[in-house]
Amino acid sequence: MAEIKVNWHHRHKAGLSAGDRAADTLRNGMGSWPFVGIFVGFMALWAAVNSFVLAASAWDPYPYILLNLFLSMLAGLQGAILLIAAKRQDAIASAMAQHDYETDVRAAAHIEMLMNINAEQLQLLQELRAMVNSRGPEEAAGNRP
């Protein structure tokens, strides 16, 4: 069975308040094609019912003032929800940037350590080459199997 790693994003998501989760859910719902389709369908149904079905006794006859009031209230609510969601996205982007920075700092430390090891190995190779060169070509050739 594979072990599921918990990263910073999972911890961040687990720490959200109920309001933050609700704003994300509403934002994701309102920003979808099904919402647009349902919204347009509801408006067409409203207009059809009030214009044709209940033509004589419509509760909101043309120019649909009650529908206009509902749409204005919906726009105000959507604006607030989108601002809440945008603020959350900013927080996520900030957390991601901080995580990237910390990862870069750790990677730089590891690269520096590897560069030091490489420099030590290079120095050892130079010392070995100097030792071989100082022995002379005859002595170095005589020790070979």
N, C-alpha and C. Protein backbone atom coordinates (compact mmCIF):
# COMPACT_ATOMS: atom_id res chain seq x y z
N MET A 1 0.85 -1.18 0.00
CA MET A 1 0.00 0.00 0.00
C MET A 1 0.89 1.24 0.00
N ALA A 2 0.62 2.17 -0.89
CA ALA A 2 1.43 3.38 -1.03
C ALA A 2 1.13 4.35 0.11
N GLU A 3 2.20 4.94 0.62
CA GLU A 3 2.05 5.92 1.70
C GLU A 3 1.73 7.28 1.08
N ILE A 4 0.72 7.93 1.61
CA ILE A 4 0.33 9.25 1.12
C ILE A 4 1.10 10.30 1.90
N LYS A 5 1.87 11.10 1.16
CA LYS A 5 2.63 12.17 1.81
C LYS A 5 1.74 13.39 1.99
N VAL A 6 1.89 14.01 3.13
CA VAL A 6 1.13 15.23 3.41
C VAL A 6 2.08 16.41 3.20
N ASN A 7 1.76 17.25 2.22
CA ASN A 7 2.61 18.40 1.96
C ASN A 7 1.97 19.66 2.56
N TRP A 8 2.61 20.79 2.32
CA TRP A 8 2.13 22.04 2.92
C TRP A 8 0.74 22.39 2.43
N HIS A 9 0.41 22.03 1.19
CA HIS A 9 -0.90 22.38 0.63
C HIS A 9 -2.02 21.64 1.37
N HIS A 10 -1.78 20.37 1.68
CA HIS A 10 -2.78 19.61 2.44
C HIS A 10 -2.96 20.19 3.84
N ARG A 11 -1.84 20.56 4.47
CA ARG A 11 -1.93 21.16 5.81
C ARG A 11 -2.67 22.50 5.75
N HIS A 12 -2.38 23.29 4.71
CA HIS A 12 -3.03 24.59 4.55
C HIS A 12 -4.54 24.40 4.35
N LYS A 13 -4.90 23.44 3.51
CA LYS A 13 -6.30 23.19 3.22
C LYS A 13 -7.04 22.69 4.47
N ALA A 14 -6.36 21.89 5.27
CA ALA A 14 -6.99 21.36 6.49
C ALA A 14 -7.22 22.46 7.52
N GLY A 15 -6.45 23.54 7.45
CA GLY A 15 -6.58 24.62 8.41
C GLY A 15 -7.56 25.70 8.02
N LEU A 16 -8.30 25.51 6.93
CA LEU A 16 -9.25 26.53 6.47
C LEU A 16 -10.48 26.58 7.37
N SER A 17 -11.02 27.78 7.50
CA SER A 17 -12.26 27.93 8.25
C SER A 17 -13.44 27.49 7.37
N ALA A 18 -14.59 27.33 8.00
CA ALA A 18 -15.79 26.94 7.24
C ALA A 18 -16.14 28.01 6.21
N GLY A 19 -15.96 29.28 6.55
CA GLY A 19 -16.23 30.36 5.60
C GLY A 19 -15.31 30.32 4.40
N ASP A 20 -14.02 30.01 4.63
CA ASP A 20 -13.07 29.92 3.52
C ASP A 20 -13.43 28.77 2.59
N ARG A 21 -13.79 27.63 3.18
CA ARG A 21 -14.19 26.48 2.34
C ARG A 21 -15.47 26.80 1.57
N ALA A 22 -16.42 27.49 2.21
CA ALA A 22 -17.67 27.86 1.53
C ALA A 22 -17.39 28.82 0.37
N ALA A 23 -16.51 29.79 0.60
CA ALA A 23 -16.17 30.74 -0.47
C ALA A 23 -15.52 30.02 -1.64
N ASP A 24 -14.65 29.06 -1.37
CA ASP A 24 -14.02 28.30 -2.45
C ASP A 24 -15.05 27.48 -3.21
N THR A 25 -15.97 26.85 -2.49
CA THR A 25 -17.00 26.04 -3.14
C THR A 25 -17.89 26.91 -4.01
N LEU A 26 -18.33 28.05 -3.48
CA LEU A 26 -19.18 28.95 -4.26
C LEU A 26 -18.44 29.51 -5.48
N ARG A 27 -17.19 29.90 -5.29
CA ARG A 27 -16.40 30.43 -6.41
C ARG A 27 -16.27 29.37 -7.50
N ASN A 28 -15.97 28.15 -7.10
CA ASN A 28 -15.82 27.08 -8.10
C ASN A 28 -17.14 26.78 -8.79
N GLY A 29 -18.24 26.89 -8.06
CA GLY A 29 -19.56 26.66 -8.66
C GLY A 29 -19.97 27.78 -9.59
N MET A 30 -19.78 29.03 -9.14
CA MET A 30 -20.20 30.17 -9.96
C MET A 30 -19.30 30.38 -11.17
N GLY A 31 -18.13 29.85 -11.13
CA GLY A 31 -17.22 30.00 -12.26
C GLY A 31 -17.24 28.79 -13.17
N SER A 32 -18.40 28.17 -13.34
CA SER A 32 -18.48 26.97 -14.17
C SER A 32 -19.55 27.11 -15.24
N TRP A 33 -19.42 26.33 -16.28
CA TRP A 33 -20.41 26.35 -17.35
C TRP A 33 -21.78 25.85 -16.90
N PRO A 34 -21.85 24.83 -16.03
CA PRO A 34 -23.19 24.44 -15.56
C PRO A 34 -23.93 25.59 -14.86
N PHE A 35 -23.21 26.39 -14.08
CA PHE A 35 -23.85 27.53 -13.42
C PHE A 35 -24.38 28.50 -14.46
N VAL A 36 -23.58 28.80 -15.47
CA VAL A 36 -24.01 29.73 -16.52
C VAL A 36 -25.25 29.19 -17.22
N GLY A 37 -25.25 27.90 -17.54
CA GLY A 37 -26.40 27.29 -18.20
C GLY A 37 -27.65 27.33 -17.34
N ILE A 38 -27.51 26.99 -16.06
CA ILE A 38 -28.66 27.02 -15.15
C ILE A 38 -29.16 28.45 -14.99
N PHE A 39 -28.24 29.40 -14.88
CA PHE A 39 -28.60 30.80 -14.71
C PHE A 39 -29.38 31.33 -15.92
N VAL A 40 -28.89 31.06 -17.11
CA VAL A 40 -29.58 31.50 -18.33
C VAL A 40 -30.93 30.80 -18.44
N GLY A 41 -30.96 29.51 -18.11
CA GLY A 41 -32.23 28.77 -18.15
C GLY A 41 -33.25 29.32 -17.16
N PHE A 42 -32.79 29.67 -15.95
CA PHE A 42 -33.70 30.24 -14.96
C PHE A 42 -34.27 31.57 -15.43
N MET A 43 -33.41 32.41 -16.01
CA MET A 43 -33.89 33.70 -16.49
C MET A 43 -34.89 33.54 -17.64
N ALA A 44 -34.63 32.59 -18.54
CA ALA A 44 -35.56 32.34 -19.65
C ALA A 44 -36.88 31.81 -19.11
N LEU A 45 -36.82 30.91 -18.12
CA LEU A 45 -38.03 30.37 -17.51
C LEU A 45 -38.83 31.48 -16.82
N TRP A 46 -38.13 32.34 -16.08
CA TRP A 46 -38.78 33.47 -15.39
C TRP A 46 -39.53 34.35 -16.40
N ALA A 47 -38.83 34.69 -17.48
CA ALA A 47 -39.44 35.55 -18.50
C ALA A 47 -40.61 34.85 -19.17
N ALA A 48 -40.47 33.56 -19.46
CA ALA A 48 -41.55 32.83 -20.12
C ALA A 48 -42.78 32.72 -19.22
N VAL A 49 -42.56 32.38 -17.95
CA VAL A 49 -43.70 32.23 -17.02
C VAL A 49 -44.40 33.56 -16.83
N ASN A 50 -43.65 34.62 -16.62
CA ASN A 50 -44.26 35.92 -16.35
C ASN A 50 -44.82 36.60 -17.60
N SER A 51 -44.35 36.23 -18.78
CA SER A 51 -44.83 36.87 -20.00
C SER A 51 -45.95 36.09 -20.69
N PHE A 52 -45.88 34.78 -20.63
CA PHE A 52 -46.82 33.98 -21.42
C PHE A 52 -47.76 33.13 -20.57
N VAL A 53 -47.22 32.39 -19.59
CA VAL A 53 -48.05 31.48 -18.79
C VAL A 53 -49.00 32.26 -17.89
N LEU A 54 -48.48 33.23 -17.20
CA LEU A 54 -49.28 34.03 -16.27
C LEU A 54 -49.49 35.44 -16.84
N ALA A 55 -49.75 35.54 -18.09
CA ALA A 55 -49.81 36.84 -18.76
C ALA A 55 -50.76 37.81 -18.07
N ALA A 56 -51.92 37.33 -17.63
CA ALA A 56 -52.91 38.22 -17.02
C ALA A 56 -52.59 38.51 -15.55
N SER A 57 -52.01 37.54 -14.84
CA SER A 57 -51.77 37.74 -13.40
C SER A 57 -50.32 37.45 -13.02
N ALA A 58 -49.38 37.93 -13.80
CA ALA A 58 -47.95 37.68 -13.54
C ALA A 58 -47.52 38.42 -12.27
N TRP A 59 -46.71 37.74 -11.45
CA TRP A 59 -46.22 38.39 -10.23
C TRP A 59 -45.09 39.37 -10.51
N ASP A 60 -44.46 39.26 -11.69
CA ASP A 60 -43.39 40.18 -12.07
C ASP A 60 -43.50 40.43 -13.58
N PRO A 61 -44.46 41.28 -14.00
CA PRO A 61 -44.64 41.50 -15.43
C PRO A 61 -43.45 42.25 -16.03
N TYR A 62 -43.37 42.19 -17.36
CA TYR A 62 -42.32 42.92 -18.06
C TYR A 62 -42.34 44.37 -17.62
N PRO A 63 -41.25 44.95 -17.26
CA PRO A 63 -39.82 44.74 -17.47
C PRO A 63 -39.13 43.96 -16.35
N TYR A 64 -39.83 43.11 -15.66
CA TYR A 64 -39.26 42.18 -14.66
C TYR A 64 -38.45 42.90 -13.58
N ILE A 65 -39.08 43.77 -12.86
CA ILE A 65 -38.41 44.56 -11.82
C ILE A 65 -37.94 43.68 -10.67
N LEU A 66 -38.76 42.69 -10.28
CA LEU A 66 -38.35 41.78 -9.20
C LEU A 66 -37.13 40.96 -9.62
N LEU A 67 -37.11 40.46 -10.85
CA LEU A 67 -35.95 39.72 -11.35
C LEU A 67 -34.72 40.62 -11.35
N ASN A 68 -34.89 41.86 -11.75
CA ASN A 68 -33.78 42.81 -11.77
C ASN A 68 -33.22 43.02 -10.35
N LEU A 69 -34.12 43.09 -9.36
CA LEU A 69 -33.68 43.22 -7.96
C LEU A 69 -32.88 41.99 -7.54
N PHE A 70 -33.37 40.80 -7.87
CA PHE A 70 -32.64 39.57 -7.52
C PHE A 70 -31.28 39.52 -8.20
N LEU A 71 -31.21 39.93 -9.45
CA LEU A 71 -29.94 39.93 -10.17
C LEU A 71 -28.95 40.92 -9.55
N SER A 72 -29.43 42.06 -9.12
CA SER A 72 -28.56 43.04 -8.45
C SER A 72 -28.02 42.48 -7.14
N MET A 73 -28.89 41.83 -6.38
CA MET A 73 -28.45 41.23 -5.11
C MET A 73 -27.44 40.12 -5.37
N LEU A 74 -27.69 39.31 -6.41
CA LEU A 74 -26.77 38.23 -6.76
C LEU A 74 -25.41 38.79 -7.16
N ALA A 75 -25.41 39.87 -7.94
CA ALA A 75 -24.14 40.49 -8.36
C ALA A 75 -23.35 41.00 -7.16
N GLY A 76 -24.04 41.62 -6.21
CA GLY A 76 -23.35 42.09 -5.01
C GLY A 76 -22.78 40.94 -4.19
N LEU A 77 -23.53 39.87 -4.07
CA LEU A 77 -23.06 38.71 -3.33
C LEU A 77 -21.90 38.04 -4.05
N GLN A 78 -22.01 37.91 -5.36
CA GLN A 78 -20.93 37.31 -6.13
C GLN A 78 -19.64 38.12 -6.00
N GLY A 79 -19.77 39.43 -6.02
CA GLY A 79 -18.58 40.27 -5.87
C GLY A 79 -17.87 40.01 -4.56
N ALA A 80 -18.63 39.93 -3.48
CA ALA A 80 -18.04 39.66 -2.17
C ALA A 80 -17.40 38.28 -2.13
N ILE A 81 -18.08 37.28 -2.66
CA ILE A 81 -17.54 35.92 -2.65
C ILE A 81 -16.26 35.85 -3.49
N LEU A 82 -16.26 36.50 -4.64
CA LEU A 82 -15.07 36.48 -5.48
C LEU A 82 -13.89 37.19 -4.82
N LEU A 83 -14.17 38.27 -4.08
CA LEU A 83 -13.09 38.95 -3.35
C LEU A 83 -12.53 38.06 -2.24
N ILE A 84 -13.40 37.36 -1.53
CA ILE A 84 -12.94 36.43 -0.48
C ILE A 84 -12.07 35.35 -1.11
N ALA A 85 -12.55 34.78 -2.22
CA ALA A 85 -11.80 33.73 -2.89
C ALA A 85 -10.47 34.26 -3.43
N ALA A 86 -10.46 35.47 -3.96
CA ALA A 86 -9.22 36.05 -4.47
C ALA A 86 -8.22 36.27 -3.34
N LYS A 87 -8.72 36.69 -2.19
CA LYS A 87 -7.84 36.88 -1.03
C LYS A 87 -7.23 35.53 -0.62
N ARG A 88 -8.01 34.48 -0.69
CA ARG A 88 -7.51 33.14 -0.37
C ARG A 88 -6.47 32.70 -1.39
N GLN A 89 -6.71 32.99 -2.67
CA GLN A 89 -5.74 32.64 -3.70
C GLN A 89 -4.43 33.38 -3.48
N ASP A 90 -4.51 34.63 -3.05
CA ASP A 90 -3.30 35.39 -2.73
C ASP A 90 -2.54 34.72 -1.58
N ALA A 91 -3.26 34.25 -0.58
CA ALA A 91 -2.62 33.58 0.55
C ALA A 91 -1.95 32.29 0.09
N ILE A 92 -2.61 31.56 -0.80
CA ILE A 92 -2.03 30.32 -1.33
C ILE A 92 -0.79 30.64 -2.15
N ALA A 93 -0.85 31.66 -3.00
CA ALA A 93 0.31 32.04 -3.81
C ALA A 93 1.47 32.47 -2.92
N SER A 94 1.16 33.18 -1.85
CA SER A 94 2.21 33.61 -0.92
C SER A 94 2.84 32.40 -0.24
N ALA A 95 2.02 31.45 0.19
CA ALA A 95 2.54 30.24 0.84
C ALA A 95 3.39 29.44 -0.14
N MET A 96 2.96 29.37 -1.40
CA MET A 96 3.73 28.64 -2.41
C MET A 96 5.08 29.33 -2.66
N ALA A 97 5.07 30.65 -2.72
CA ALA A 97 6.31 31.39 -2.93
C ALA A 97 7.28 31.17 -1.76
N GLN A 98 6.76 31.17 -0.54
CA GLN A 98 7.59 30.94 0.63
C GLN A 98 8.17 29.52 0.59
N HIS A 99 7.34 28.55 0.23
CA HIS A 99 7.80 27.17 0.14
C HIS A 99 8.88 27.04 -0.93
N ASP A 100 8.67 27.69 -2.08
CA ASP A 100 9.68 27.65 -3.15
C ASP A 100 10.99 28.27 -2.68
N TYR A 101 10.90 29.38 -1.95
CA TYR A 101 12.10 30.04 -1.45
C TYR A 101 12.86 29.12 -0.50
N GLU A 102 12.13 28.48 0.43
CA GLU A 102 12.78 27.58 1.38
C GLU A 102 13.41 26.39 0.66
N THR A 103 12.75 25.88 -0.37
CA THR A 103 13.30 24.78 -1.15
C THR A 103 14.57 25.24 -1.87
N ASP A 104 14.55 26.44 -2.43
CA ASP A 104 15.72 26.97 -3.12
C ASP A 104 16.90 27.16 -2.17
N VAL A 105 16.62 27.62 -0.95
CA VAL A 105 17.69 27.82 0.03
C VAL A 105 18.32 26.47 0.40
N ARG A 106 17.46 25.45 0.62
CA ARG A 106 18.00 24.12 0.95
C ARG A 106 18.79 23.56 -0.23
N ALA A 107 18.29 23.75 -1.45
CA ALA A 107 19.00 23.26 -2.63
C ALA A 107 20.34 23.96 -2.78
N ALA A 108 20.38 25.26 -2.52
CA ALA A 108 21.64 26.01 -2.62
C ALA A 108 22.65 25.47 -1.60
N ALA A 109 22.19 25.13 -0.40
CA ALA A 109 23.09 24.58 0.61
C ALA A 109 23.64 23.23 0.16
N HIS A 110 22.77 22.41 -0.42
CA HIS A 110 23.23 21.10 -0.91
C HIS A 110 24.20 21.26 -2.08
N ILE A 111 23.93 22.19 -2.96
CA ILE A 111 24.82 22.42 -4.09
C ILE A 111 26.18 22.92 -3.59
N GLU A 112 26.16 23.79 -2.60
CA GLU A 112 27.41 24.29 -2.02
C GLU A 112 28.22 23.15 -1.41
N MET A 113 27.53 22.24 -0.70
CA MET A 113 28.20 21.09 -0.10
C MET A 113 28.81 20.21 -1.20
N LEU A 114 28.07 19.96 -2.27
CA LEU A 114 28.58 19.15 -3.37
C LEU A 114 29.75 19.83 -4.07
N MET A 115 29.69 21.14 -4.20
CA MET A 115 30.80 21.88 -4.80
C MET A 115 32.06 21.76 -3.94
N ASN A 116 31.90 21.81 -2.62
CA ASN A 116 33.05 21.65 -1.72
C ASN A 116 33.65 20.26 -1.84
N ILE A 117 32.78 19.24 -1.92
CA ILE A 117 33.27 17.87 -2.09
C ILE A 117 34.01 17.74 -3.42
N ASN A 118 33.45 18.33 -4.47
CA ASN A 118 34.09 18.31 -5.78
C ASN A 118 35.45 18.99 -5.74
N ALA A 119 35.53 20.12 -5.05
CA ALA A 119 36.80 20.84 -4.93
C ALA A 119 37.83 19.99 -4.19
N GLU A 120 37.40 19.30 -3.13
CA GLU A 120 38.32 18.43 -2.39
C GLU A 120 38.81 17.29 -3.28
N GLN A 121 37.90 16.69 -4.05
CA GLN A 121 38.30 15.61 -4.94
C GLN A 121 39.27 16.11 -6.00
N LEU A 122 39.02 17.30 -6.52
CA LEU A 122 39.92 17.88 -7.52
C LEU A 122 41.30 18.11 -6.92
N GLN A 123 41.35 18.59 -5.70
CA GLN A 123 42.63 18.82 -5.04
C GLN A 123 43.36 17.50 -4.81
N LEU A 124 42.62 16.46 -4.41
CA LEU A 124 43.24 15.15 -4.21
C LEU A 124 43.80 14.62 -5.53
N LEU A 125 43.06 14.78 -6.60
CA LEU A 125 43.54 14.34 -7.91
C LEU A 125 44.80 15.11 -8.32
N GLN A 126 44.84 16.39 -8.05
CA GLN A 126 46.02 17.18 -8.39
C GLN A 126 47.22 16.73 -7.56
N GLU A 127 46.99 16.42 -6.28
CA GLU A 127 48.07 15.93 -5.42
C GLU A 127 48.58 14.58 -5.92
N LEU A 128 47.65 13.70 -6.31
CA LEU A 128 48.06 12.40 -6.84
C LEU A 128 48.85 12.55 -8.12
N ARG A 129 48.39 13.44 -9.00
CA ARG A 129 49.10 13.68 -10.27
C ARG A 129 50.50 14.24 -9.98
N ALA A 130 50.59 15.14 -9.00
CA ALA A 130 51.89 15.70 -8.64
C ALA A 130 52.81 14.62 -8.09
N MET A 131 52.25 13.71 -7.29
CA MET A 131 53.07 12.62 -6.73
C MET A 131 53.57 11.70 -7.84
N VAL A 132 52.67 11.39 -8.80
CA VAL A 132 53.07 10.52 -9.91
C VAL A 132 54.12 11.21 -10.75
N ASN A 133 53.94 12.48 -11.03
CA ASN A 133 54.90 13.22 -11.85
C ASN A 133 56.24 13.38 -11.15
N SER A 134 56.26 13.47 -9.82
CA SER A 134 57.52 13.66 -9.09
C SER A 134 58.32 12.36 -9.01
N ARG A 135 57.70 11.24 -9.21
CA ARG A 135 58.39 9.95 -9.15
C ARG A 135 59.23 9.72 -10.40
N GLY A 136 58.84 10.33 -11.47
CA GLY A 136 59.58 10.13 -12.71
C GLY A 136 58.90 9.08 -13.56
N PRO A 137 59.10 9.14 -14.87
CA PRO A 137 58.42 8.22 -15.77
C PRO A 137 58.90 6.77 -15.62
N GLU A 138 60.20 6.54 -15.35
CA GLU A 138 60.70 5.17 -15.23
C GLU A 138 60.14 4.48 -14.00
N GLU A 139 60.13 5.20 -12.89
CA GLU A 139 59.66 4.60 -11.63
C GLU A 139 58.16 4.36 -11.69
N ALA A 140 57.38 5.30 -12.28
CA ALA A 140 55.95 5.14 -12.39
C ALA A 140 55.62 3.96 -13.30
N ALA A 141 56.44 3.75 -14.39
CA ALA A 141 56.19 2.66 -15.33
C ALA A 141 56.58 1.33 -14.70
N GLY A 142 57.59 1.31 -13.87
CA GLY A 142 58.04 0.08 -13.24
C GLY A 142 57.07 -0.46 -12.21
N ASN A 143 56.26 0.34 -11.66
CA ASN A 143 55.31 -0.10 -10.62
C ASN A 143 54.00 -0.60 -11.23
N ARG A 144 53.86 -0.47 -12.52
CA ARG A 144 52.60 -0.92 -13.13
C ARG A 144 52.63 -2.42 -13.32
N PRO A 145 51.52 -3.08 -13.14
CA PRO A 145 51.48 -4.53 -13.32
C PRO A 145 51.48 -4.96 -14.76
